[in-house]
């Protein structure tokens, strides 16, 4: 049985502001549908992705900005940094983790992560190893995204 992640619901406080932000990031607008004064759905897909995001009015009871750790995969992290910054998106600097190839989220990016050796170091992974280089950004509500550089996928992926 195949199980494909299709869509992620993002909690936002201002639908039009979020829509403008995701357009600036470069996501494709698929749907902007208003059914009533209490229901509006805005659906975007990142370029090259089969999974989409949806947000709007009447979509979720989750607090705006509460979704964290959404990964987007890119083949060139430095190019992604340059492109997003040129589009006016506030992005972190490119970084890698001292203790391995898995970034543990925004808090780990600030300090050692609970004794696991995960520490944010400036610049891409020294060997530019797949899964080793990152940057982060957040939408206007604080929903957190992580871009990860993958040049070659692990077997079976």
C-alpha atoms as a PDB file:
ATOM      1  CA  UNK A   1       0.000   0.000   0.000  1.00  0.00           C
ATOM      2  CA  UNK A   2       1.401   3.403  -0.969  1.00  0.00           C
ATOM      3  CA  UNK A   3       0.779   6.253   1.466  1.00  0.00           C
ATOM      4  CA  UNK A   4       1.641   9.625   0.001  1.00  0.00           C
ATOM      5  CA  UNK A   5       1.689  12.777   2.066  1.00  0.00           C
ATOM      6  CA  UNK A   6      -0.541  15.084   0.045  1.00  0.00           C
ATOM      7  CA  UNK A   7      -1.222  18.248   2.028  1.00  0.00           C
ATOM      8  CA  UNK A   8      -0.253  20.088   5.201  1.00  0.00           C
ATOM      9  CA  UNK A   9      -2.658  22.520   6.866  1.00  0.00           C
ATOM     10  CA  UNK A  10      -0.892  25.673   8.077  1.00  0.00           C
ATOM     11  CA  UNK A  11      -2.448  27.863  10.763  1.00  0.00           C
ATOM     12  CA  UNK A  12      -2.247  31.546   9.799  1.00  0.00           C
ATOM     13  CA  UNK A  13      -3.767  34.716  11.212  1.00  0.00           C
ATOM     14  CA  UNK A  14      -4.002  36.780   8.019  1.00  0.00           C
ATOM     15  CA  UNK A  15      -4.854  34.826   4.867  1.00  0.00           C
ATOM     16  CA  UNK A  16      -3.939  37.560   2.387  1.00  0.00           C
ATOM     17  CA  UNK A  17      -0.596  38.231   4.094  1.00  0.00           C
ATOM     18  CA  UNK A  18       0.224  34.497   4.051  1.00  0.00           C
ATOM     19  CA  UNK A  19      -0.835  34.246   0.417  1.00  0.00           C
ATOM     20  CA  UNK A  20       1.492  37.097  -0.574  1.00  0.00           C
ATOM     21  CA  UNK A  21       4.347  35.514   1.391  1.00  0.00           C
ATOM     22  CA  UNK A  22       4.063  32.079  -0.235  1.00  0.00           C
ATOM     23  CA  UNK A  23       3.766  33.684  -3.670  1.00  0.00           C
ATOM     24  CA  UNK A  24       7.026  35.543  -2.917  1.00  0.00           C
ATOM     25  CA  UNK A  25       8.716  32.298  -1.822  1.00  0.00           C
ATOM     26  CA  UNK A  26       7.817  30.897  -5.251  1.00  0.00           C
ATOM     27  CA  UNK A  27       5.113  28.376  -4.400  1.00  0.00           C
ATOM     28  CA  UNK A  28       2.473  27.810  -7.114  1.00  0.00           C
ATOM     29  CA  UNK A  29      -1.019  29.031  -6.244  1.00  0.00           C
ATOM     30  CA  UNK A  30      -3.413  26.173  -7.007  1.00  0.00           C
ATOM     31  CA  UNK A  31      -6.665  27.361  -5.426  1.00  0.00           C
ATOM     32  CA  UNK A  32      -8.043  30.415  -3.655  1.00  0.00           C
ATOM     33  CA  UNK A  33     -11.614  29.476  -2.845  1.00  0.00           C
ATOM     34  CA  UNK A  34     -14.096  31.374  -0.689  1.00  0.00           C
ATOM     35  CA  UNK A  35     -17.278  29.502   0.208  1.00  0.00           C
ATOM     36  CA  UNK A  36     -18.621  31.992   2.751  1.00  0.00           C
ATOM     37  CA  UNK A  37     -17.564  34.747   5.142  1.00  0.00           C
ATOM     38  CA  UNK A  38     -16.367  31.983   7.485  1.00  0.00           C
ATOM     39  CA  UNK A  39     -14.529  29.723   5.047  1.00  0.00           C
ATOM     40  CA  UNK A  40     -11.675  30.410   2.641  1.00  0.00           C
ATOM     41  CA  UNK A  41      -9.102  27.889   1.429  1.00  0.00           C
ATOM     42  CA  UNK A  42      -5.808  28.890  -0.184  1.00  0.00           C
ATOM     43  CA  UNK A  43      -3.784  26.013  -1.608  1.00  0.00           C
ATOM     44  CA  UNK A  44      -0.127  26.247  -2.725  1.00  0.00           C
ATOM     45  CA  UNK A  45       2.401  23.723  -4.005  1.00  0.00           C
ATOM     46  CA  UNK A  46       6.179  24.178  -3.729  1.00  0.00           C
ATOM     47  CA  UNK A  47       7.878  23.833  -7.135  1.00  0.00           C
ATOM     48  CA  UNK A  48       8.778  20.201  -7.791  1.00  0.00           C
ATOM     49  CA  UNK A  49       6.786  18.875  -4.833  1.00  0.00           C
ATOM     50  CA  UNK A  50       3.926  16.409  -4.768  1.00  0.00           C
ATOM     51  CA  UNK A  51       2.906  17.639  -1.304  1.00  0.00           C
ATOM     52  CA  UNK A  52       1.053  20.936  -0.899  1.00  0.00           C
ATOM     53  CA  UNK A  53       0.094  23.363   1.829  1.00  0.00           C
ATOM     54  CA  UNK A  54      -3.336  24.773   2.523  1.00  0.00           C
ATOM     55  CA  UNK A  55      -4.391  27.581   4.831  1.00  0.00           C
ATOM     56  CA  UNK A  56      -7.266  29.949   5.184  1.00  0.00           C
ATOM     57  CA  UNK A  57     -10.214  30.900   7.285  1.00  0.00           C
ATOM     58  CA  UNK A  58     -12.099  28.097   9.010  1.00  0.00           C
ATOM     59  CA  UNK A  59      -9.352  25.587   8.166  1.00  0.00           C
ATOM     60  CA  UNK A  60      -7.884  24.702  11.578  1.00  0.00           C
ATOM     61  CA  UNK A  61      -8.132  25.531  15.252  1.00  0.00           C
ATOM     62  CA  UNK A  62      -4.332  25.329  15.680  1.00  0.00           C
ATOM     63  CA  UNK A  63      -2.594  28.516  16.794  1.00  0.00           C
ATOM     64  CA  UNK A  64      -1.101  30.599  13.968  1.00  0.00           C
ATOM     65  CA  UNK A  65       2.602  29.894  13.665  1.00  0.00           C
ATOM     66  CA  UNK A  66       2.474  26.607  15.583  1.00  0.00           C
ATOM     67  CA  UNK A  67       3.618  24.396  12.698  1.00  0.00           C
ATOM     68  CA  UNK A  68       7.384  23.822  12.822  1.00  0.00           C
ATOM     69  CA  UNK A  69       9.975  21.659  11.109  1.00  0.00           C
ATOM     70  CA  UNK A  70       8.566  21.633   7.588  1.00  0.00           C
ATOM     71  CA  UNK A  71      11.366  20.401   5.326  1.00  0.00           C
ATOM     72  CA  UNK A  72      11.912  21.495   1.746  1.00  0.00           C
ATOM     73  CA  UNK A  73      14.666  19.733  -0.185  1.00  0.00           C
ATOM     74  CA  UNK A  74      16.947  21.614  -2.589  1.00  0.00           C
ATOM     75  CA  UNK A  75      19.933  20.499  -4.648  1.00  0.00           C
ATOM     76  CA  UNK A  76      21.967  23.676  -4.000  1.00  0.00           C
ATOM     77  CA  UNK A  77      21.541  25.323  -0.591  1.00  0.00           C
ATOM     78  CA  UNK A  78      23.594  28.395  -1.465  1.00  0.00           C
ATOM     79  CA  UNK A  79      21.562  29.028  -4.625  1.00  0.00           C
ATOM     80  CA  UNK A  80      18.367  28.610  -2.584  1.00  0.00           C
ATOM     81  CA  UNK A  81      19.660  31.158  -0.044  1.00  0.00           C
ATOM     82  CA  UNK A  82      20.463  33.669  -2.774  1.00  0.00           C
ATOM     83  CA  UNK A  83      17.126  33.172  -4.532  1.00  0.00           C
ATOM     84  CA  UNK A  84      14.981  33.474  -1.411  1.00  0.00           C
ATOM     85  CA  UNK A  85      16.883  36.503  -0.118  1.00  0.00           C
ATOM     86  CA  UNK A  86      16.494  38.198  -3.520  1.00  0.00           C
ATOM     87  CA  UNK A  87      12.733  37.612  -3.243  1.00  0.00           C
ATOM     88  CA  UNK A  88      12.688  39.456   0.081  1.00  0.00           C
ATOM     89  CA  UNK A  89      12.373  36.358   2.266  1.00  0.00           C
ATOM     90  CA  UNK A  90      14.223  36.632   5.588  1.00  0.00           C
ATOM     91  CA  UNK A  91      16.351  33.476   5.678  1.00  0.00           C
ATOM     92  CA  UNK A  92      19.003  32.245   8.077  1.00  0.00           C
ATOM     93  CA  UNK A  93      22.546  31.880   6.918  1.00  0.00           C
ATOM     94  CA  UNK A  94      23.462  28.476   5.490  1.00  0.00           C
ATOM     95  CA  UNK A  95      24.621  26.162   8.281  1.00  0.00           C
ATOM     96  CA  UNK A  96      25.432  22.572   9.140  1.00  0.00           C
ATOM     97  CA  UNK A  97      25.308  20.552  12.361  1.00  0.00           C
ATOM     98  CA  UNK A  98      28.540  19.699  14.175  1.00  0.00           C
ATOM     99  CA  UNK A  99      27.353  16.281  15.307  1.00  0.00           C
ATOM    100  CA  UNK A 100      25.861  14.834  12.162  1.00  0.00           C
ATOM    101  CA  UNK A 101      23.528  15.179   9.254  1.00  0.00           C
ATOM    102  CA  UNK A 102      20.170  15.842  10.911  1.00  0.00           C
ATOM    103  CA  UNK A 103      19.132  19.293  11.986  1.00  0.00           C
ATOM    104  CA  UNK A 104      16.878  19.231  15.059  1.00  0.00           C
ATOM    105  CA  UNK A 105      14.827  22.349  14.413  1.00  0.00           C
ATOM    106  CA  UNK A 106      15.016  26.023  15.320  1.00  0.00           C
ATOM    107  CA  UNK A 107      16.006  25.576  18.979  1.00  0.00           C
ATOM    108  CA  UNK A 108      18.863  23.257  18.097  1.00  0.00           C
ATOM    109  CA  UNK A 109      20.055  25.853  15.631  1.00  0.00           C
ATOM    110  CA  UNK A 110      20.800  28.143  18.567  1.00  0.00           C
ATOM    111  CA  UNK A 111      22.781  25.820  20.838  1.00  0.00           C
ATOM    112  CA  UNK A 112      23.802  22.259  21.575  1.00  0.00           C
ATOM    113  CA  UNK A 113      20.676  20.086  21.502  1.00  0.00           C
ATOM    114  CA  UNK A 114      20.138  18.281  24.818  1.00  0.00           C
ATOM    115  CA  UNK A 115      23.623  16.762  24.878  1.00  0.00           C
ATOM    116  CA  UNK A 116      23.334  15.102  21.475  1.00  0.00           C
ATOM    117  CA  UNK A 117      26.217  17.100  20.030  1.00  0.00           C
ATOM    118  CA  UNK A 118      23.988  18.922  17.578  1.00  0.00           C
ATOM    119  CA  UNK A 119      25.358  22.419  17.201  1.00  0.00           C
ATOM    120  CA  UNK A 120      24.796  24.913  14.419  1.00  0.00           C
ATOM    121  CA  UNK A 121      27.990  25.785  12.550  1.00  0.00           C
ATOM    122  CA  UNK A 122      28.219  28.488   9.888  1.00  0.00           C
ATOM    123  CA  UNK A 123      28.392  27.499   6.248  1.00  0.00           C
ATOM    124  CA  UNK A 124      27.459  24.387   4.330  1.00  0.00           C
ATOM    125  CA  UNK A 125      28.617  20.929   5.407  1.00  0.00           C
ATOM    126  CA  UNK A 126      32.418  20.811   4.853  1.00  0.00           C
ATOM    127  CA  UNK A 127      32.103  17.921   2.386  1.00  0.00           C
ATOM    128  CA  UNK A 128      28.795  19.231   0.971  1.00  0.00           C
ATOM    129  CA  UNK A 129      27.404  15.849   1.986  1.00  0.00           C
ATOM    130  CA  UNK A 130      23.810  15.218   1.038  1.00  0.00           C
ATOM    131  CA  UNK A 131      21.446  15.878   3.941  1.00  0.00           C
ATOM    132  CA  UNK A 132      24.129  17.972   5.670  1.00  0.00           C
ATOM    133  CA  UNK A 133      23.475  21.654   4.863  1.00  0.00           C
ATOM    134  CA  UNK A 134      20.506  23.786   5.887  1.00  0.00           C
ATOM    135  CA  UNK A 135      18.861  27.155   6.095  1.00  0.00           C
ATOM    136  CA  UNK A 136      15.657  28.177   7.820  1.00  0.00           C
ATOM    137  CA  UNK A 137      12.886  30.696   7.358  1.00  0.00           C
ATOM    138  CA  UNK A 138       9.478  31.369   8.849  1.00  0.00           C
ATOM    139  CA  UNK A 139       6.283  32.708   7.363  1.00  0.00           C
ATOM    140  CA  UNK A 140       4.800  35.933   8.807  1.00  0.00           C
ATOM    141  CA  UNK A 141       2.995  33.956  11.546  1.00  0.00           C
ATOM    142  CA  UNK A 142       6.091  31.979  12.534  1.00  0.00           C
ATOM    143  CA  UNK A 143       5.380  28.627  10.848  1.00  0.00           C
ATOM    144  CA  UNK A 144       8.914  27.262  10.486  1.00  0.00           C
ATOM    145  CA  UNK A 145      10.566  25.879   7.378  1.00  0.00           C
ATOM    146  CA  UNK A 146      13.922  24.113   6.979  1.00  0.00           C
ATOM    147  CA  UNK A 147      15.646  23.837   3.605  1.00  0.00           C
ATOM    148  CA  UNK A 148      17.976  20.854   3.390  1.00  0.00           C
ATOM    149  CA  UNK A 149      20.483  20.236   0.614  1.00  0.00           C
ATOM    150  CA  UNK A 150      20.231  16.776  -0.942  1.00  0.00           C
ATOM    151  CA  UNK A 151      22.446  16.146  -3.942  1.00  0.00           C
ATOM    152  CA  UNK A 152      22.126  12.360  -3.888  1.00  0.00           C
ATOM    153  CA  UNK A 153      19.297  10.497  -2.158  1.00  0.00           C
ATOM    154  CA  UNK A 154      19.890   7.560   0.150  1.00  0.00           C
ATOM    155  CA  UNK A 155      19.094   4.164  -1.377  1.00  0.00           C
ATOM    156  CA  UNK A 156      15.397   3.384  -1.485  1.00  0.00           C
ATOM    157  CA  UNK A 157      14.264   7.010  -1.453  1.00  0.00           C
END
